[in-house]
Amino acid sequence: MLRALALTIALGLSLPAAAAEPDAESTYRLATDGSTTSVKVGEKGNLVVRFEPVAAGIHVDPKAPLHIRVETSAGLRADKGELRRADAVDPGAPNPRFDVSVRGVLAGAQEATLALDFFVCSDSWCARQKRVLRFPVAVR
């Protein structure tokens, strides 16, 4: 009987915590409008990533690590292969914006992949996010 009571209490305590777990990905979006879709060989373009909250109080944690790994196909070259919060256009903003500089090096259909690792938070929770964005770029 005591064992059953302990199990009931343990289950009862764990259920509300699981139900309160936020769906962090639904509280923000990663906007990429303004990104370069076409560039000439030798010219530079920018890939834009902007964190936009869709609920009040949502922000990217300024104290937690923020890392963006940039990989490109053979016809594109990124100025930097890794970015941190300090590389943002507005590093002190609660929802930073990044302009990732790329240069066309070979004509053809190319692609840049950005792997993001960051923490999104509200006043009551923080959740680690890992997202991958792909940017097709035509190099002519």
Protein backbone atom coordinates (compact mmCIF):
# COMPACT_ATOMS: atom_id res chain seq x y z
CA MET A 1 0.00 0.00 0.00
CA LEU A 2 2.80 2.42 0.91
CA ARG A 3 4.59 1.53 -2.33
CA ALA A 4 1.43 2.23 -4.39
CA LEU A 5 0.99 5.57 -2.64
CA ALA A 6 4.62 6.54 -3.39
CA LEU A 7 4.17 5.59 -7.05
CA THR A 8 0.93 7.60 -7.28
CA ILE A 9 2.62 10.63 -5.74
CA ALA A 10 5.64 10.31 -8.05
CA LEU A 11 3.44 10.06 -11.14
CA GLY A 12 1.27 12.92 -9.98
CA LEU A 13 4.31 15.14 -9.49
CA SER A 14 5.82 14.32 -12.88
CA LEU A 15 2.69 14.84 -14.98
CA PRO A 16 2.23 18.57 -14.38
CA ALA A 17 5.91 19.20 -15.14
CA ALA A 18 5.61 17.37 -18.46
CA ALA A 19 2.42 19.23 -19.33
CA ALA A 20 4.10 22.58 -18.57
CA GLU A 21 6.99 21.87 -20.98
CA PRO A 22 6.86 24.63 -23.64
CA ASP A 23 6.82 24.08 -27.37
CA ALA A 24 9.68 26.54 -27.73
CA GLU A 25 9.92 26.24 -31.52
CA SER A 26 6.41 27.64 -31.90
CA THR A 27 7.29 30.83 -29.96
CA TYR A 28 9.62 32.31 -32.57
CA ARG A 29 10.49 32.14 -36.25
CA LEU A 30 13.74 32.44 -38.13
CA ALA A 31 13.19 35.04 -40.85
CA THR A 32 15.45 34.87 -43.90
CA ASP A 33 13.87 37.51 -46.15
CA GLY A 34 16.44 39.80 -47.73
CA SER A 35 18.86 36.94 -48.37
CA THR A 36 20.79 36.81 -51.63
CA THR A 37 19.36 34.27 -54.08
CA SER A 38 21.62 35.07 -57.04
CA VAL A 39 25.16 36.38 -57.33
CA LYS A 40 27.83 36.68 -60.02
CA VAL A 41 31.15 34.85 -59.76
CA GLY A 42 33.45 37.04 -57.66
CA GLU A 43 30.60 39.05 -56.10
CA LYS A 44 29.43 39.00 -52.51
CA GLY A 45 25.97 38.34 -51.19
CA ASN A 46 24.39 38.07 -47.75
CA LEU A 47 22.37 35.36 -46.09
CA VAL A 48 20.07 36.91 -43.50
CA VAL A 49 18.87 35.21 -40.32
CA ARG A 50 16.65 37.18 -37.96
CA PHE A 51 15.11 35.80 -34.76
CA GLU A 52 11.49 37.00 -34.54
CA PRO A 53 9.35 36.22 -31.48
CA VAL A 54 5.71 35.34 -32.12
CA ALA A 55 4.76 35.72 -28.46
CA ALA A 56 5.44 38.50 -25.97
CA GLY A 57 8.52 38.10 -23.80
CA ILE A 58 10.30 35.60 -26.04
CA HIS A 59 14.01 36.25 -26.63
CA VAL A 60 17.30 34.58 -27.41
CA ASP A 61 19.19 34.14 -24.14
CA PRO A 62 22.01 36.73 -24.14
CA LYS A 63 24.13 34.76 -21.65
CA ALA A 64 23.81 31.31 -23.19
CA PRO A 65 26.00 30.17 -26.09
CA LEU A 66 24.80 31.03 -29.59
CA HIS A 67 26.61 29.28 -32.41
CA ILE A 68 26.05 29.22 -36.18
CA ARG A 69 28.08 26.84 -38.34
CA VAL A 70 28.20 27.80 -42.04
CA GLU A 71 28.80 25.20 -44.75
CA THR A 72 28.68 25.89 -48.48
CA SER A 73 28.74 23.92 -51.69
CA ALA A 74 31.83 24.19 -53.90
CA GLY A 75 30.60 27.26 -55.79
CA LEU A 76 30.14 29.46 -52.71
CA ARG A 77 32.59 30.60 -50.09
CA ALA A 78 31.58 32.03 -46.71
CA ASP A 79 33.70 34.78 -45.13
CA LYS A 80 33.37 32.99 -41.78
CA GLY A 81 32.67 29.32 -41.11
CA GLU A 82 31.42 29.91 -37.58
CA LEU A 83 29.56 32.78 -36.01
CA ARG A 84 28.78 33.70 -32.42
CA ARG A 85 26.50 36.32 -30.90
CA ALA A 86 29.28 38.94 -31.18
CA ASP A 87 29.09 38.50 -34.99
CA ALA A 88 25.46 39.65 -35.09
CA VAL A 89 24.55 42.95 -36.76
CA ASP A 90 23.01 43.88 -33.39
CA PRO A 91 24.74 41.69 -30.76
CA GLY A 92 23.01 43.38 -27.80
CA ALA A 93 19.49 42.93 -29.17
CA PRO A 94 17.19 40.42 -27.46
CA ASN A 95 16.55 38.85 -30.86
CA PRO A 96 19.70 39.28 -32.97
CA ARG A 97 20.08 39.47 -36.73
CA PHE A 98 22.93 37.92 -38.69
CA ASP A 99 24.15 38.85 -42.17
CA VAL A 100 26.35 35.97 -43.32
CA SER A 101 28.63 37.08 -46.14
CA VAL A 102 29.15 34.64 -49.03
CA ARG A 103 30.97 35.00 -52.35
CA GLY A 104 30.22 33.26 -55.64
CA VAL A 105 33.23 31.24 -56.84
CA LEU A 106 31.77 28.77 -59.38
CA ALA A 107 28.79 29.21 -61.69
CA GLY A 108 25.78 26.99 -61.11
CA ALA A 109 23.16 26.10 -58.53
CA GLN A 110 24.80 26.35 -55.11
CA GLU A 111 23.67 26.06 -51.50
CA ALA A 112 24.69 27.34 -48.09
CA THR A 113 23.63 25.52 -44.95
CA LEU A 114 23.49 27.24 -41.57
CA ALA A 115 23.32 25.04 -38.47
CA LEU A 116 22.09 27.13 -35.53
CA ASP A 117 22.45 26.22 -31.86
CA PHE A 118 20.96 28.68 -29.35
CA PHE A 119 18.61 29.06 -26.38
CA VAL A 120 15.20 30.68 -26.66
CA CYS A 121 13.58 31.86 -23.42
CA SER A 122 10.57 33.47 -21.80
CA ASP A 123 10.40 34.83 -18.26
CA SER A 124 9.68 31.33 -16.93
CA TRP A 125 11.61 28.88 -19.16
CA CYS A 126 14.57 28.45 -21.53
CA ALA A 127 14.94 25.76 -24.18
CA ARG A 128 17.91 24.82 -26.33
CA GLN A 129 17.19 24.96 -30.04
CA LYS A 130 19.05 23.31 -32.90
CA ARG A 131 17.86 24.36 -36.33
CA VAL A 132 19.20 23.98 -39.87
CA LEU A 133 18.49 26.51 -42.62
CA ARG A 134 19.30 25.97 -46.29
CA PHE A 135 19.83 28.82 -48.72
CA PRO A 136 19.85 28.10 -52.47
CA VAL A 137 22.03 30.59 -54.36
CA ALA A 138 22.40 30.73 -58.13
CA VAL A 139 25.93 31.73 -59.09
CA ARG A 140 26.20 33.09 -62.64
